[in-house]
Amino acid sequence: MRIIRAFTDHPATVGESYLEHLRSALGFSLTMIRSAICCAVHAFVPFLFEKTGSSAIDDLHRRMVRQRSKLPSAPAAIGSQRDSDHGDRATA
């Protein structure tokens, strides 16, 4: 029983089953691997993949926030995150 909980506890905290979390995490990792390769190429050939890294970050953030919005307590958490984001930008 403990072994099963090790595979299901964390996915449950983000509103996913084990298989949903597996799919989501693999999707994130593939996006990050692809983006990392593009960023490495961009380091040597700056006119290639100029926006690939930042676009991937935006996409991953959007996907993560969309998943969080499915959780029951998500609206307050997302609202407070937005407020802190705006504060960070104002002081930066």
N, C-alpha and C. Protein backbone atom coordinates (compact mmCIF):
# COMPACT_ATOMS: atom_id res chain seq x y z
N MET A 1 0.83 -1.20 0.00
CA MET A 1 0.00 0.00 0.00
C MET A 1 0.86 1.26 0.00
N ARG A 2 1.97 1.26 0.77
CA ARG A 2 2.86 2.41 0.80
C ARG A 2 3.47 2.70 -0.56
N ILE A 3 3.80 1.64 -1.27
CA ILE A 3 4.40 1.79 -2.60
C ILE A 3 3.42 2.49 -3.52
N ILE A 4 2.18 2.09 -3.51
CA ILE A 4 1.17 2.71 -4.38
C ILE A 4 1.03 4.19 -4.05
N ARG A 5 0.99 4.52 -2.77
CA ARG A 5 0.87 5.93 -2.37
C ARG A 5 2.05 6.76 -2.85
N ALA A 6 3.22 6.16 -2.92
CA ALA A 6 4.40 6.87 -3.40
C ALA A 6 4.21 7.32 -4.85
N PHE A 7 3.43 6.58 -5.60
CA PHE A 7 3.17 6.91 -7.00
C PHE A 7 1.93 7.78 -7.20
N THR A 8 1.08 7.88 -6.20
CA THR A 8 -0.18 8.60 -6.38
C THR A 8 -0.32 9.87 -5.55
N ASP A 9 0.42 10.00 -4.46
CA ASP A 9 0.27 11.17 -3.60
C ASP A 9 0.57 12.48 -4.31
N HIS A 10 1.74 12.60 -4.92
CA HIS A 10 2.08 13.85 -5.59
C HIS A 10 1.15 14.17 -6.76
N PRO A 11 0.88 13.22 -7.65
CA PRO A 11 -0.06 13.54 -8.73
C PRO A 11 -1.41 14.05 -8.21
N ALA A 12 -1.87 13.49 -7.11
CA ALA A 12 -3.14 13.94 -6.54
C ALA A 12 -3.07 15.39 -6.09
N THR A 13 -1.91 15.86 -5.61
CA THR A 13 -1.80 17.24 -5.16
C THR A 13 -1.92 18.24 -6.30
N VAL A 14 -1.70 17.78 -7.53
CA VAL A 14 -1.84 18.66 -8.69
C VAL A 14 -3.07 18.29 -9.51
N GLY A 15 -3.96 17.49 -8.91
CA GLY A 15 -5.24 17.17 -9.55
C GLY A 15 -5.15 16.18 -10.69
N GLU A 16 -4.17 15.27 -10.64
CA GLU A 16 -3.99 14.31 -11.71
C GLU A 16 -3.91 12.90 -11.16
N SER A 17 -4.27 11.94 -12.01
CA SER A 17 -4.01 10.53 -11.68
C SER A 17 -2.54 10.27 -12.01
N TYR A 18 -2.08 9.07 -11.67
CA TYR A 18 -0.69 8.72 -11.98
C TYR A 18 -0.43 8.81 -13.48
N LEU A 19 -1.31 8.24 -14.29
CA LEU A 19 -1.10 8.24 -15.75
C LEU A 19 -1.19 9.64 -16.34
N GLU A 20 -2.11 10.45 -15.83
CA GLU A 20 -2.20 11.83 -16.31
C GLU A 20 -0.92 12.58 -15.97
N HIS A 21 -0.41 12.37 -14.76
CA HIS A 21 0.81 13.04 -14.35
C HIS A 21 2.01 12.56 -15.17
N LEU A 22 2.05 11.27 -15.45
CA LEU A 22 3.11 10.71 -16.29
C LEU A 22 3.12 11.39 -17.65
N ARG A 23 1.96 11.46 -18.25
CA ARG A 23 1.84 12.09 -19.58
C ARG A 23 2.25 13.57 -19.53
N SER A 24 1.77 14.27 -18.53
CA SER A 24 2.08 15.69 -18.40
C SER A 24 3.57 15.92 -18.17
N ALA A 25 4.14 15.17 -17.25
CA ALA A 25 5.56 15.34 -16.93
C ALA A 25 6.45 14.97 -18.12
N LEU A 26 6.10 13.92 -18.85
CA LEU A 26 6.87 13.57 -20.04
C LEU A 26 6.75 14.66 -21.11
N GLY A 27 5.56 15.22 -21.24
CA GLY A 27 5.38 16.32 -22.19
C GLY A 27 6.24 17.52 -21.82
N PHE A 28 6.28 17.84 -20.53
CA PHE A 28 7.14 18.94 -20.07
C PHE A 28 8.60 18.64 -20.37
N SER A 29 9.02 17.41 -20.06
CA SER A 29 10.44 17.09 -20.24
C SER A 29 10.83 17.11 -21.71
N LEU A 30 9.98 16.61 -22.58
CA LEU A 30 10.29 16.64 -24.02
C LEU A 30 10.37 18.07 -24.54
N THR A 31 9.47 18.92 -24.07
CA THR A 31 9.52 20.33 -24.45
C THR A 31 10.81 20.97 -23.98
N MET A 32 11.21 20.67 -22.75
CA MET A 32 12.44 21.26 -22.21
C MET A 32 13.69 20.73 -22.93
N ILE A 33 13.70 19.44 -23.26
CA ILE A 33 14.85 18.87 -23.98
C ILE A 33 14.98 19.53 -25.35
N ARG A 34 13.87 19.60 -26.07
CA ARG A 34 13.88 20.23 -27.39
C ARG A 34 14.35 21.69 -27.30
N SER A 35 13.82 22.41 -26.32
CA SER A 35 14.17 23.81 -26.14
C SER A 35 15.64 23.98 -25.76
N ALA A 36 16.14 23.08 -24.92
CA ALA A 36 17.54 23.16 -24.51
C ALA A 36 18.46 22.96 -25.72
N ILE A 37 18.12 22.03 -26.58
CA ILE A 37 18.92 21.81 -27.79
C ILE A 37 18.89 23.06 -28.67
N CYS A 38 17.70 23.62 -28.85
CA CYS A 38 17.58 24.83 -29.66
C CYS A 38 18.37 25.98 -29.05
N CYS A 39 18.33 26.12 -27.73
CA CYS A 39 19.08 27.19 -27.07
C CYS A 39 20.59 26.99 -27.23
N ALA A 40 21.04 25.74 -27.17
CA ALA A 40 22.46 25.46 -27.37
C ALA A 40 22.89 25.81 -28.78
N VAL A 41 22.06 25.46 -29.76
CA VAL A 41 22.37 25.84 -31.15
C VAL A 41 22.38 27.35 -31.28
N HIS A 42 21.40 28.00 -30.66
CA HIS A 42 21.30 29.47 -30.71
C HIS A 42 22.56 30.13 -30.13
N ALA A 43 23.17 29.52 -29.13
CA ALA A 43 24.38 30.08 -28.53
C ALA A 43 25.49 30.23 -29.57
N PHE A 44 25.57 29.27 -30.48
CA PHE A 44 26.62 29.29 -31.49
C PHE A 44 26.20 29.99 -32.78
N VAL A 45 24.91 29.91 -33.09
CA VAL A 45 24.38 30.51 -34.32
C VAL A 45 23.20 31.40 -33.91
N PRO A 46 23.48 32.63 -33.48
CA PRO A 46 22.48 33.47 -32.83
C PRO A 46 21.25 33.82 -33.66
N PHE A 47 21.33 33.70 -34.96
CA PHE A 47 20.16 34.04 -35.78
C PHE A 47 19.19 32.88 -35.91
N LEU A 48 19.53 31.71 -35.37
CA LEU A 48 18.61 30.57 -35.35
C LEU A 48 17.94 30.47 -33.99
N PHE A 49 16.71 30.05 -34.00
CA PHE A 49 15.94 29.79 -32.77
C PHE A 49 15.94 30.99 -31.82
N GLU A 50 15.71 32.17 -32.37
CA GLU A 50 15.77 33.39 -31.55
C GLU A 50 14.73 33.44 -30.45
N LYS A 51 13.57 32.85 -30.68
CA LYS A 51 12.49 32.94 -29.68
C LYS A 51 12.04 31.58 -29.16
N THR A 52 12.73 30.53 -29.53
CA THR A 52 12.30 29.18 -29.16
C THR A 52 12.31 28.98 -27.64
N GLY A 53 13.37 29.38 -26.98
CA GLY A 53 13.46 29.19 -25.52
C GLY A 53 12.39 29.96 -24.78
N SER A 54 12.21 31.23 -25.09
CA SER A 54 11.22 32.03 -24.38
C SER A 54 9.80 31.56 -24.71
N SER A 55 9.57 31.13 -25.94
CA SER A 55 8.25 30.60 -26.30
C SER A 55 7.96 29.32 -25.52
N ALA A 56 8.96 28.47 -25.36
CA ALA A 56 8.78 27.23 -24.60
C ALA A 56 8.46 27.53 -23.14
N ILE A 57 9.15 28.49 -22.56
CA ILE A 57 8.90 28.87 -21.17
C ILE A 57 7.47 29.38 -21.02
N ASP A 58 7.05 30.24 -21.94
CA ASP A 58 5.67 30.74 -21.90
C ASP A 58 4.66 29.60 -22.01
N ASP A 59 4.92 28.67 -22.94
CA ASP A 59 4.01 27.53 -23.13
C ASP A 59 3.95 26.66 -21.88
N LEU A 60 5.10 26.34 -21.31
CA LEU A 60 5.12 25.50 -20.11
C LEU A 60 4.41 26.17 -18.95
N HIS A 61 4.63 27.46 -18.79
CA HIS A 61 3.96 28.20 -17.71
C HIS A 61 2.44 28.18 -17.92
N ARG A 62 2.01 28.42 -19.14
CA ARG A 62 0.58 28.42 -19.45
C ARG A 62 -0.02 27.05 -19.15
N ARG A 63 0.67 25.97 -19.55
CA ARG A 63 0.18 24.62 -19.29
C ARG A 63 0.11 24.33 -17.80
N MET A 64 1.08 24.80 -17.05
CA MET A 64 1.10 24.54 -15.62
C MET A 64 -0.03 25.31 -14.92
N VAL A 65 -0.24 26.55 -15.31
CA VAL A 65 -1.30 27.36 -14.70
C VAL A 65 -2.66 26.78 -15.06
N ARG A 66 -2.82 26.32 -16.29
CA ARG A 66 -4.09 25.72 -16.71
C ARG A 66 -4.39 24.49 -15.87
N GLN A 67 -3.38 23.67 -15.59
CA GLN A 67 -3.58 22.49 -14.75
C GLN A 67 -3.93 22.89 -13.33
N ARG A 68 -3.24 23.91 -12.80
CA ARG A 68 -3.53 24.37 -11.44
C ARG A 68 -4.96 24.88 -11.32
N SER A 69 -5.49 25.46 -12.39
CA SER A 69 -6.83 26.03 -12.32
C SER A 69 -7.90 24.96 -12.15
N LYS A 70 -7.55 23.69 -12.35
CA LYS A 70 -8.51 22.61 -12.16
C LYS A 70 -8.66 22.24 -10.69
N LEU A 71 -7.72 22.69 -9.85
CA LEU A 71 -7.76 22.36 -8.43
C LEU A 71 -8.79 23.22 -7.71
N PRO A 72 -9.44 22.70 -6.67
CA PRO A 72 -10.48 23.45 -5.97
C PRO A 72 -10.02 24.79 -5.39
N SER A 73 -8.82 24.87 -4.83
CA SER A 73 -8.37 26.11 -4.21
C SER A 73 -7.54 26.96 -5.15
N ALA A 74 -7.54 26.66 -6.44
CA ALA A 74 -6.66 27.32 -7.40
C ALA A 74 -6.91 28.81 -7.59
N PRO A 75 -8.16 29.30 -7.66
CA PRO A 75 -8.33 30.73 -7.96
C PRO A 75 -7.59 31.66 -7.02
N ALA A 76 -7.62 31.39 -5.72
CA ALA A 76 -6.91 32.25 -4.77
C ALA A 76 -5.41 32.15 -4.98
N ALA A 77 -4.91 30.95 -5.20
CA ALA A 77 -3.47 30.76 -5.39
C ALA A 77 -2.99 31.45 -6.65
N ILE A 78 -3.75 31.34 -7.73
CA ILE A 78 -3.34 31.97 -8.98
C ILE A 78 -3.43 33.48 -8.85
N GLY A 79 -4.48 33.97 -8.20
CA GLY A 79 -4.62 35.42 -8.02
C GLY A 79 -3.47 36.00 -7.22
N SER A 80 -3.08 35.33 -6.14
CA SER A 80 -1.97 35.83 -5.33
C SER A 80 -0.66 35.73 -6.10
N GLN A 81 -0.51 34.71 -6.95
CA GLN A 81 0.70 34.58 -7.77
C GLN A 81 0.77 35.74 -8.77
N ARG A 82 -0.36 36.07 -9.38
CA ARG A 82 -0.37 37.19 -10.33
C ARG A 82 0.02 38.48 -9.63
N ASP A 83 -0.53 38.69 -8.41
CA ASP A 83 -0.21 39.90 -7.67
C ASP A 83 1.28 39.98 -7.39
N SER A 84 1.89 38.88 -6.99
CA SER A 84 3.31 38.90 -6.68
C SER A 84 4.13 39.08 -7.96
N ASP A 85 3.65 38.55 -9.09
CA ASP A 85 4.34 38.74 -10.37
C ASP A 85 4.39 40.23 -10.73
N HIS A 86 3.25 40.90 -10.56
CA HIS A 86 3.20 42.33 -10.89
C HIS A 86 4.11 43.14 -9.97
N GLY A 87 4.15 42.76 -8.72
CA GLY A 87 5.02 43.44 -7.78
C GLY A 87 6.47 43.26 -8.16
N ASP A 88 6.83 42.06 -8.58
CA ASP A 88 8.22 41.79 -8.98
C ASP A 88 8.61 42.64 -10.18
N ARG A 89 7.70 42.75 -11.13
CA ARG A 89 8.00 43.54 -12.32
C ARG A 89 8.16 45.02 -12.00
N ALA A 90 7.33 45.48 -11.08
CA ALA A 90 7.39 46.91 -10.73
C ALA A 90 8.70 47.27 -10.07
N THR A 91 9.23 46.34 -9.28
CA THR A 91 10.46 46.65 -8.57
C THR A 91 11.70 46.29 -9.36
N ALA A 92 11.54 45.51 -10.41
CA ALA A 92 12.70 45.08 -11.19
C ALA A 92 13.24 46.16 -12.09
